[in-house]
Amino acid sequence: MHLIQGSSYRPSKLPPKPLEIWAYEGSPFCKLVREVLVELELPHLVRCCARGSPKRQMLYEKAGCFQVPYLVDPNTGVQMFESAEIVEYLQATYAL
């Protein structure tokens, strides 16, 4: 039986503070990261920065460019782009 990403649970360490993900719904790369956040049941805030959103400029000012997904982990100080690297980071840091 093949499970759909994000439809199952994997044990994880609960971070003290919620993670922050800058993303928008139409991006398949953002979807990959969101699925891992859900699978690990990690508390997170989604900063939606869809086309036309003023949050795009906020992300540009924060990160120096506009690229999503963008993860901010206040628990470790990590801030990063690239969905594959974010997924790897989440699994290495929080999955049990």
PDB file of N, CA and C in Angstrom:
ATOM      1  N   MET A   1       0.843  -1.190   0.000  1.00  0.00           N
ATOM      2  CA  MET A   1       0.000   0.000   0.000  1.00  0.00           C
ATOM      3  C   MET A   1       0.882   1.246   0.000  1.00  0.00           C
ATOM      4  N   HIS A   2       0.610   2.140  -0.897  1.00  0.00           N
ATOM      5  CA  HIS A   2       1.397   3.363  -1.032  1.00  0.00           C
ATOM      6  C   HIS A   2       0.669   4.510  -0.338  1.00  0.00           C
ATOM      7  N   LEU A   3       1.356   5.157   0.595  1.00  0.00           N
ATOM      8  CA  LEU A   3       0.756   6.282   1.306  1.00  0.00           C
ATOM      9  C   LEU A   3       1.066   7.589   0.593  1.00  0.00           C
ATOM     10  N   ILE A   4       0.133   8.477   0.599  1.00  0.00           N
ATOM     11  CA  ILE A   4       0.311   9.813   0.050  1.00  0.00           C
ATOM     12  C   ILE A   4       1.123  10.624   1.053  1.00  0.00           C
ATOM     13  N   GLN A   5       2.124  11.365   0.560  1.00  0.00           N
ATOM     14  CA  GLN A   5       2.923  12.211   1.438  1.00  0.00           C
ATOM     15  C   GLN A   5       2.010  13.107   2.276  1.00  0.00           C
ATOM     16  N   GLY A   6       2.332  13.236   3.544  1.00  0.00           N
ATOM     17  CA  GLY A   6       1.562  14.094   4.436  1.00  0.00           C
ATOM     18  C   GLY A   6       0.329  13.429   5.004  1.00  0.00           C
ATOM     19  N   SER A   7       0.063  12.162   4.624  1.00  0.00           N
ATOM     20  CA  SER A   7      -1.137  11.491   5.128  1.00  0.00           C
ATOM     21  C   SER A   7      -0.817  10.519   6.255  1.00  0.00           C
ATOM     22  N   SER A   8       0.443  10.431   6.640  1.00  0.00           N
ATOM     23  CA  SER A   8       0.821   9.536   7.728  1.00  0.00           C
ATOM     24  C   SER A   8       1.585  10.320   8.787  1.00  0.00           C
ATOM     25  N   TYR A   9       1.765   9.674   9.925  1.00  0.00           N
ATOM     26  CA  TYR A   9       2.462  10.305  11.050  1.00  0.00           C
ATOM     27  C   TYR A   9       3.803   9.633  11.237  1.00  0.00           C
ATOM     28  N   ARG A  10       4.817  10.435  11.526  1.00  0.00           N
ATOM     29  CA  ARG A  10       6.121   9.913  11.914  1.00  0.00           C
ATOM     30  C   ARG A  10       6.489  10.557  13.237  1.00  0.00           C
ATOM     31  N   PRO A  11       6.981   9.788  14.189  1.00  0.00           N
ATOM     32  CA  PRO A  11       7.355  10.356  15.495  1.00  0.00           C
ATOM     33  C   PRO A  11       8.427  11.431  15.338  1.00  0.00           C
ATOM     34  N   SER A  12       8.319  12.450  16.172  1.00  0.00           N
ATOM     35  CA  SER A  12       9.284  13.547  16.106  1.00  0.00           C
ATOM     36  C   SER A  12       9.461  14.184  17.472  1.00  0.00           C
ATOM     37  N   LYS A  13      10.517  14.983  17.591  1.00  0.00           N
ATOM     38  CA  LYS A  13      10.760  15.792  18.788  1.00  0.00           C
ATOM     39  C   LYS A  13       9.988  17.098  18.611  1.00  0.00           C
ATOM     40  N   LEU A  14       9.256  17.484  19.616  1.00  0.00           N
ATOM     41  CA  LEU A  14       8.473  18.715  19.550  1.00  0.00           C
ATOM     42  C   LEU A  14       9.368  19.912  19.843  1.00  0.00           C
ATOM     43  N   PRO A  15       9.477  20.858  18.910  1.00  0.00           N
ATOM     44  CA  PRO A  15      10.303  22.036  19.170  1.00  0.00           C
ATOM     45  C   PRO A  15       9.599  22.982  20.150  1.00  0.00           C
ATOM     46  N   PRO A  16      10.377  23.709  20.959  1.00  0.00           N
ATOM     47  CA  PRO A  16       9.773  24.658  21.902  1.00  0.00           C
ATOM     48  C   PRO A  16       8.974  25.767  21.217  1.00  0.00           C
ATOM     49  N   LYS A  17       9.480  26.248  20.069  1.00  0.00           N
ATOM     50  CA  LYS A  17       8.819  27.333  19.337  1.00  0.00           C
ATOM     51  C   LYS A  17       8.397  26.825  17.963  1.00  0.00           C
ATOM     52  N   PRO A  18       7.283  27.327  17.428  1.00  0.00           N
ATOM     53  CA  PRO A  18       6.858  26.891  16.092  1.00  0.00           C
ATOM     54  C   PRO A  18       7.846  27.337  15.011  1.00  0.00           C
ATOM     55  N   LEU A  19       7.982  26.507  13.994  1.00  0.00           N
ATOM     56  CA  LEU A  19       8.793  26.844  12.839  1.00  0.00           C
ATOM     57  C   LEU A  19       8.003  27.820  11.968  1.00  0.00           C
ATOM     58  N   GLU A  20       8.681  28.487  11.077  1.00  0.00           N
ATOM     59  CA  GLU A  20       8.031  29.449  10.180  1.00  0.00           C
ATOM     60  C   GLU A  20       8.393  29.071   8.750  1.00  0.00           C
ATOM     61  N   ILE A  21       7.390  28.922   7.911  1.00  0.00           N
ATOM     62  CA  ILE A  21       7.637  28.593   6.518  1.00  0.00           C
ATOM     63  C   ILE A  21       6.996  29.661   5.627  1.00  0.00           C
ATOM     64  N   TRP A  22       7.806  30.237   4.762  1.00  0.00           N
ATOM     65  CA  TRP A  22       7.323  31.200   3.775  1.00  0.00           C
ATOM     66  C   TRP A  22       7.035  30.403   2.518  1.00  0.00           C
ATOM     67  N   ALA A  23       5.808  30.488   2.026  1.00  0.00           N
ATOM     68  CA  ALA A  23       5.405  29.630   0.917  1.00  0.00           C
ATOM     69  C   ALA A  23       4.173  30.207   0.235  1.00  0.00           C
ATOM     70  N   TYR A  24       3.796  29.563  -0.874  1.00  0.00           N
ATOM     71  CA  TYR A  24       2.493  29.845  -1.477  1.00  0.00           C
ATOM     72  C   TYR A  24       1.948  28.561  -2.060  1.00  0.00           C
ATOM     73  N   GLU A  25       0.634  28.457  -2.110  1.00  0.00           N
ATOM     74  CA  GLU A  25      -0.059  27.214  -2.440  1.00  0.00           C
ATOM     75  C   GLU A  25       0.288  26.628  -3.799  1.00  0.00           C
ATOM     76  N   GLY A  26       0.545  27.444  -4.794  1.00  0.00           N
ATOM     77  CA  GLY A  26       0.765  26.938  -6.135  1.00  0.00           C
ATOM     78  C   GLY A  26       2.122  26.287  -6.360  1.00  0.00           C
ATOM     79  N   SER A  27       3.012  26.356  -5.411  1.00  0.00           N
ATOM     80  CA  SER A  27       4.362  25.839  -5.597  1.00  0.00           C
ATOM     81  C   SER A  27       4.477  24.377  -5.170  1.00  0.00           C
ATOM     82  N   PRO A  28       4.883  23.499  -6.086  1.00  0.00           N
ATOM     83  CA  PRO A  28       5.066  22.090  -5.718  1.00  0.00           C
ATOM     84  C   PRO A  28       6.222  21.909  -4.734  1.00  0.00           C
ATOM     85  N   PHE A  29       7.184  22.820  -4.746  1.00  0.00           N
ATOM     86  CA  PHE A  29       8.316  22.732  -3.826  1.00  0.00           C
ATOM     87  C   PHE A  29       7.887  23.065  -2.400  1.00  0.00           C
ATOM     88  N   CYS A  30       6.995  24.026  -2.268  1.00  0.00           N
ATOM     89  CA  CYS A  30       6.453  24.372  -0.952  1.00  0.00           C
ATOM     90  C   CYS A  30       5.611  23.218  -0.413  1.00  0.00           C
ATOM     91  N   LYS A  31       4.885  22.567  -1.312  1.00  0.00           N
ATOM     92  CA  LYS A  31       4.039  21.442  -0.908  1.00  0.00           C
ATOM     93  C   LYS A  31       4.872  20.328  -0.282  1.00  0.00           C
ATOM     94  N   LEU A  32       6.025  20.032  -0.848  1.00  0.00           N
ATOM     95  CA  LEU A  32       6.899  18.990  -0.297  1.00  0.00           C
ATOM     96  C   LEU A  32       7.278  19.287   1.152  1.00  0.00           C
ATOM     97  N   VAL A  33       7.619  20.528   1.424  1.00  0.00           N
ATOM     98  CA  VAL A  33       8.014  20.925   2.779  1.00  0.00           C
ATOM     99  C   VAL A  33       6.819  20.869   3.722  1.00  0.00           C
ATOM    100  N   ARG A  34       5.679  21.365   3.280  1.00  0.00           N
ATOM    101  CA  ARG A  34       4.482  21.337   4.121  1.00  0.00           C
ATOM    102  C   ARG A  34       4.100  19.908   4.481  1.00  0.00           C
ATOM    103  N   GLU A  35       4.235  18.972   3.532  1.00  0.00           N
ATOM    104  CA  GLU A  35       3.903  17.569   3.797  1.00  0.00           C
ATOM    105  C   GLU A  35       4.781  16.992   4.898  1.00  0.00           C
ATOM    106  N   VAL A  36       6.059  17.320   4.905  1.00  0.00           N
ATOM    107  CA  VAL A  36       6.959  16.815   5.942  1.00  0.00           C
ATOM    108  C   VAL A  36       6.630  17.456   7.292  1.00  0.00           C
ATOM    109  N   LEU A  37       6.318  18.733   7.297  1.00  0.00           N
ATOM    110  CA  LEU A  37       5.914  19.395   8.542  1.00  0.00           C
ATOM    111  C   LEU A  37       4.677  18.724   9.138  1.00  0.00           C
ATOM    112  N   VAL A  38       3.731  18.348   8.276  1.00  0.00           N
ATOM    113  CA  VAL A  38       2.500  17.688   8.729  1.00  0.00           C
ATOM    114  C   VAL A  38       2.804  16.267   9.210  1.00  0.00           C
ATOM    115  N   GLU A  39       3.589  15.523   8.448  1.00  0.00           N
ATOM    116  CA  GLU A  39       3.935  14.148   8.840  1.00  0.00           C
ATOM    117  C   GLU A  39       4.618  14.103  10.194  1.00  0.00           C
ATOM    118  N   LEU A  40       5.490  15.063  10.448  1.00  0.00           N
ATOM    119  CA  LEU A  40       6.211  15.103  11.720  1.00  0.00           C
ATOM    120  C   LEU A  40       5.409  15.807  12.816  1.00  0.00           C
ATOM    121  N   GLU A  41       4.244  16.321  12.448  1.00  0.00           N
ATOM    122  CA  GLU A  41       3.386  17.077  13.363  1.00  0.00           C
ATOM    123  C   GLU A  41       4.146  18.198  14.067  1.00  0.00           C
ATOM    124  N   LEU A  42       4.935  18.914  13.289  1.00  0.00           N
ATOM    125  CA  LEU A  42       5.706  20.032  13.832  1.00  0.00           C
ATOM    126  C   LEU A  42       4.859  21.297  13.790  1.00  0.00           C
ATOM    127  N   PRO A  43       4.750  21.976  14.924  1.00  0.00           N
ATOM    128  CA  PRO A  43       3.996  23.236  14.908  1.00  0.00           C
ATOM    129  C   PRO A  43       4.718  24.238  14.006  1.00  0.00           C
ATOM    130  N   HIS A  44       3.945  24.888  13.147  1.00  0.00           N
ATOM    131  CA  HIS A  44       4.554  25.837  12.216  1.00  0.00           C
ATOM    132  C   HIS A  44       3.565  26.924  11.826  1.00  0.00           C
ATOM    133  N   LEU A  45       4.127  28.048  11.487  1.00  0.00           N
ATOM    134  CA  LEU A  45       3.362  29.180  10.977  1.00  0.00           C
ATOM    135  C   LEU A  45       3.643  29.293   9.490  1.00  0.00           C
ATOM    136  N   VAL A  46       2.605  29.465   8.708  1.00  0.00           N
ATOM    137  CA  VAL A  46       2.776  29.628   7.279  1.00  0.00           C
ATOM    138  C   VAL A  46       2.648  31.106   6.947  1.00  0.00           C
ATOM    139  N   ARG A  47       3.666  31.641   6.315  1.00  0.00           N
ATOM    140  CA  ARG A  47       3.657  33.024   5.838  1.00  0.00           C
ATOM    141  C   ARG A  47       3.361  32.949   4.342  1.00  0.00           C
ATOM    142  N   CYS A  48       2.106  33.098   4.003  1.00  0.00           N
ATOM    143  CA  CYS A  48       1.684  32.965   2.611  1.00  0.00           C
ATOM    144  C   CYS A  48       2.108  34.204   1.828  1.00  0.00           C
ATOM    145  N   CYS A  49       2.861  33.969   0.774  1.00  0.00           N
ATOM    146  CA  CYS A  49       3.356  35.095  -0.031  1.00  0.00           C
ATOM    147  C   CYS A  49       3.040  34.845  -1.504  1.00  0.00           C
ATOM    148  N   ALA A  50       1.751  34.724  -1.769  1.00  0.00           N
ATOM    149  CA  ALA A  50       1.277  34.498  -3.134  1.00  0.00           C
ATOM    150  C   ALA A  50       1.568  35.714  -4.010  1.00  0.00           C
ATOM    151  N   ARG A  51       1.466  35.523  -5.299  1.00  0.00           N
ATOM    152  CA  ARG A  51       1.693  36.612  -6.248  1.00  0.00           C
ATOM    153  C   ARG A  51       0.824  37.818  -5.875  1.00  0.00           C
ATOM    154  N   GLY A  52       1.429  38.977  -5.795  1.00  0.00           N
ATOM    155  CA  GLY A  52       0.714  40.198  -5.457  1.00  0.00           C
ATOM    156  C   GLY A  52       0.687  40.490  -3.966  1.00  0.00           C
ATOM    157  N   SER A  53       1.154  39.571  -3.131  1.00  0.00           N
ATOM    158  CA  SER A  53       1.145  39.761  -1.682  1.00  0.00           C
ATOM    159  C   SER A  53       2.285  40.685  -1.242  1.00  0.00           C
ATOM    160  N   PRO A  54       2.005  41.613  -0.306  1.00  0.00           N
ATOM    161  CA  PRO A  54       3.077  42.461   0.220  1.00  0.00           C
ATOM    162  C   PRO A  54       4.107  41.648   1.012  1.00  0.00           C
ATOM    163  N   LYS A  55       3.763  40.409   1.385  1.00  0.00           N
ATOM    164  CA  LYS A  55       4.712  39.577   2.123  1.00  0.00           C
ATOM    165  C   LYS A  55       5.899  39.173   1.256  1.00  0.00           C
ATOM    166  N   ARG A  56       5.755  39.237  -0.056  1.00  0.00           N
ATOM    167  CA  ARG A  56       6.892  38.952  -0.934  1.00  0.00           C
ATOM    168  C   ARG A  56       8.017  39.948  -0.667  1.00  0.00           C
ATOM    169  N   GLN A  57       7.664  41.213  -0.539  1.00  0.00           N
ATOM    170  CA  GLN A  57       8.671  42.234  -0.254  1.00  0.00           C
ATOM    171  C   GLN A  57       9.254  42.025   1.136  1.00  0.00           C
ATOM    172  N   MET A  58       8.414  41.610   2.090  1.00  0.00           N
ATOM    173  CA  MET A  58       8.905  41.333   3.447  1.00  0.00           C
ATOM    174  C   MET A  58       9.951  40.220   3.418  1.00  0.00           C
ATOM    175  N   LEU A  59       9.686  39.168   2.655  1.00  0.00           N
ATOM    176  CA  LEU A  59      10.644  38.070   2.550  1.00  0.00           C
ATOM    177  C   LEU A  59      11.919  38.540   1.865  1.00  0.00           C
ATOM    178  N   TYR A  60      11.777  39.347   0.835  1.00  0.00           N
ATOM    179  CA  TYR A  60      12.948  39.880   0.140  1.00  0.00           C
ATOM    180  C   TYR A  60      13.836  40.669   1.106  1.00  0.00           C
ATOM    181  N   GLU A  61      13.217  41.489   1.923  1.00  0.00           N
ATOM    182  CA  GLU A  61      13.970  42.290   2.892  1.00  0.00           C
ATOM    183  C   GLU A  61      14.606  41.408   3.964  1.00  0.00           C
ATOM    184  N   LYS A  62      13.929  40.358   4.357  1.00  0.00           N
ATOM    185  CA  LYS A  62      14.414  39.459   5.405  1.00  0.00           C
ATOM    186  C   LYS A  62      15.558  38.577   4.903  1.00  0.00           C
ATOM    187  N   ALA A  63      15.406  38.025   3.688  1.00  0.00           N
ATOM    188  CA  ALA A  63      16.338  37.015   3.196  1.00  0.00           C
ATOM    189  C   ALA A  63      17.292  37.521   2.112  1.00  0.00           C
ATOM    190  N   GLY A  64      17.037  38.706   1.584  1.00  0.00           N
ATOM    191  CA  GLY A  64      17.907  39.234   0.546  1.00  0.00           C
ATOM    192  C   GLY A  64      17.514  38.837  -0.864  1.00  0.00           C
ATOM    193  N   CYS A  65      16.503  37.999  -0.983  1.00  0.00           N
ATOM    194  CA  CYS A  65      15.960  37.622  -2.286  1.00  0.00           C
ATOM    195  C   CYS A  65      14.580  37.021  -2.051  1.00  0.00           C
ATOM    196  N   PHE A  66      13.825  36.846  -3.136  1.00  0.00           N
ATOM    197  CA  PHE A  66      12.539  36.164  -2.999  1.00  0.00           C
ATOM    198  C   PHE A  66      12.671  34.780  -3.593  1.00  0.00           C
ATOM    199  N   GLN A  67      12.568  33.793  -2.739  1.00  0.00           N
ATOM    200  CA  GLN A  67      12.583  32.396  -3.160  1.00  0.00           C
ATOM    201  C   GLN A  67      11.812  31.616  -2.102  1.00  0.00           C
ATOM    202  N   VAL A  68      10.947  30.727  -2.547  1.00  0.00           N
ATOM    203  CA  VAL A  68      10.207  29.882  -1.617  1.00  0.00           C
ATOM    204  C   VAL A  68      10.368  28.425  -2.029  1.00  0.00           C
ATOM    205  N   PRO A  69      10.257  27.513  -1.083  1.00  0.00           N
ATOM    206  CA  PRO A  69      10.004  27.732   0.335  1.00  0.00           C
ATOM    207  C   PRO A  69      11.231  28.302   1.046  1.00  0.00           C
ATOM    208  N   TYR A  70      10.955  29.005   2.129  1.00  0.00           N
ATOM    209  CA  TYR A  70      11.987  29.570   2.992  1.00  0.00           C
ATOM    210  C   TYR A  70      11.623  29.193   4.414  1.00  0.00           C
ATOM    211  N   LEU A  71      12.518  28.471   5.075  1.00  0.00           N
ATOM    212  CA  LEU A  71      12.268  28.009   6.444  1.00  0.00           C
ATOM    213  C   LEU A  71      13.037  28.852   7.435  1.00  0.00           C
ATOM    214  N   VAL A  72      12.362  29.225   8.520  1.00  0.00           N
ATOM    215  CA  VAL A  72      13.007  29.886   9.652  1.00  0.00           C
ATOM    216  C   VAL A  72      12.730  29.015  10.866  1.00  0.00           C
ATOM    217  N   ASP A  73      13.791  28.541  11.510  1.00  0.00           N
ATOM    218  CA  ASP A  73      13.652  27.734  12.722  1.00  0.00           C
ATOM    219  C   ASP A  73      14.200  28.538  13.890  1.00  0.00           C
ATOM    220  N   PRO A  74      13.320  29.146  14.694  1.00  0.00           N
ATOM    221  CA  PRO A  74      13.777  29.963  15.813  1.00  0.00           C
ATOM    222  C   PRO A  74      14.443  29.136  16.918  1.00  0.00           C
ATOM    223  N   ASN A  75      14.292  27.829  16.870  1.00  0.00           N
ATOM    224  CA  ASN A  75      14.871  26.954  17.886  1.00  0.00           C
ATOM    225  C   ASN A  75      16.359  26.706  17.660  1.00  0.00           C
ATOM    226  N   THR A  76      16.789  26.768  16.407  1.00  0.00           N
ATOM    227  CA  THR A  76      18.195  26.497  16.082  1.00  0.00           C
ATOM    228  C   THR A  76      18.875  27.671  15.398  1.00  0.00           C
ATOM    229  N   GLY A  77      18.096  28.669  14.985  1.00  0.00           N
ATOM    230  CA  GLY A  77      18.656  29.815  14.265  1.00  0.00           C
ATOM    231  C   GLY A  77      18.819  29.569  12.772  1.00  0.00           C
ATOM    232  N   VAL A  78      18.418  28.394  12.292  1.00  0.00           N
ATOM    233  CA  VAL A  78      18.557  28.058  10.878  1.00  0.00           C
ATOM    234  C   VAL A  78      17.542  28.835  10.048  1.00  0.00           C
ATOM    235  N   GLN A  79      18.009  29.368   8.920  1.00  0.00           N
ATOM    236  CA  GLN A  79      17.166  30.019   7.921  1.00  0.00           C
ATOM    237  C   GLN A  79      17.654  29.510   6.576  1.00  0.00           C
ATOM    238  N   MET A  80      16.754  28.910   5.799  1.00  0.00           N
ATOM    239  CA  MET A  80      17.231  28.282   4.573  1.00  0.00           C
ATOM    240  C   MET A  80      16.191  28.210   3.477  1.00  0.00           C
ATOM    241  N   PHE A  81      16.689  28.135   2.229  1.00  0.00           N
ATOM    242  CA  PHE A  81      15.891  27.918   1.037  1.00  0.00           C
ATOM    243  C   PHE A  81      16.080  26.466   0.584  1.00  0.00           C
ATOM    244  N   GLU A  82      15.471  26.117  -0.538  1.00  0.00           N
ATOM    245  CA  GLU A  82      15.617  24.828  -1.224  1.00  0.00           C
ATOM    246  C   GLU A  82      14.855  23.709  -0.510  1.00  0.00           C
ATOM    247  N   SER A  83      13.791  23.260  -1.154  1.00  0.00           N
ATOM    248  CA  SER A  83      12.898  22.269  -0.549  1.00  0.00           C
ATOM    249  C   SER A  83      13.613  20.986  -0.143  1.00  0.00           C
ATOM    250  N   ALA A  84      14.495  20.448  -0.986  1.00  0.00           N
ATOM    251  CA  ALA A  84      15.182  19.196  -0.644  1.00  0.00           C
ATOM    252  C   ALA A  84      16.053  19.368   0.596  1.00  0.00           C
ATOM    253  N   GLU A  85      16.733  20.490   0.693  1.00  0.00           N
ATOM    254  CA  GLU A  85      17.577  20.752   1.862  1.00  0.00           C
ATOM    255  C   GLU A  85      16.737  20.981   3.117  1.00  0.00           C
ATOM    256  N   ILE A  86      15.595  21.641   2.968  1.00  0.00           N
ATOM    257  CA  ILE A  86      14.709  21.865   4.111  1.00  0.00           C
ATOM    258  C   ILE A  86      14.167  20.531   4.615  1.00  0.00           C
ATOM    259  N   VAL A  87      13.717  19.673   3.702  1.00  0.00           N
ATOM    260  CA  VAL A  87      13.197  18.357   4.081  1.00  0.00           C
ATOM    261  C   VAL A  87      14.278  17.571   4.810  1.00  0.00           C
ATOM    262  N   GLU A  88      15.484  17.566   4.281  1.00  0.00           N
ATOM    263  CA  GLU A  88      16.601  16.862   4.921  1.00  0.00           C
ATOM    264  C   GLU A  88      16.863  17.419   6.318  1.00  0.00           C
ATOM    265  N   TYR A  89      16.852  18.735   6.439  1.00  0.00           N
ATOM    266  CA  TYR A  89      17.068  19.387   7.735  1.00  0.00           C
ATOM    267  C   TYR A  89      15.985  18.990   8.743  1.00  0.00           C
ATOM    268  N   LEU A  90      14.720  19.050   8.320  1.00  0.00           N
ATOM    269  CA  LEU A  90      13.616  18.723   9.224  1.00  0.00           C
ATOM    270  C   LEU A  90      13.728  17.280   9.709  1.00  0.00           C
ATOM    271  N   GLN A  91      14.040  16.369   8.809  1.00  0.00           N
ATOM    272  CA  GLN A  91      14.163  14.963   9.193  1.00  0.00           C
ATOM    273  C   GLN A  91      15.342  14.744  10.116  1.00  0.00           C
ATOM    274  N   ALA A  92      16.477  15.362   9.819  1.00  0.00           N
ATOM    275  CA  ALA A  92      17.677  15.189  10.650  1.00  0.00           C
ATOM    276  C   ALA A  92      17.520  15.831  12.023  1.00  0.00           C
ATOM    277  N   THR A  93      16.791  16.940  12.082  1.00  0.00           N
ATOM    278  CA  THR A  93      16.672  17.696  13.327  1.00  0.00           C
ATOM    279  C   THR A  93      15.540  17.225  14.217  1.00  0.00           C
ATOM    280  N   TYR A  94      14.397  16.830  13.616  1.00  0.00           N
ATOM    281  CA  TYR A  94      13.205  16.563  14.416  1.00  0.00           C
ATOM    282  C   TYR A  94      12.660  15.141  14.362  1.00  0.00           C
ATOM    283  N   ALA A  95      12.934  14.383  13.308  1.00  0.00           N
ATOM    284  CA  ALA A  95      12.390  13.013  13.218  1.00  0.00           C
ATOM    285  C   ALA A  95      13.100  12.118  14.229  1.00  0.00           C
ATOM    286  N   LEU A  96      12.353  11.205  14.824  1.00  0.00           N
ATOM    287  CA  LEU A  96      12.941  10.233  15.766  1.00  0.00           C
ATOM    288  C   LEU A  96      13.242   8.934  15.067  1.00  0.00           C
TER     289      LEU A  96
END
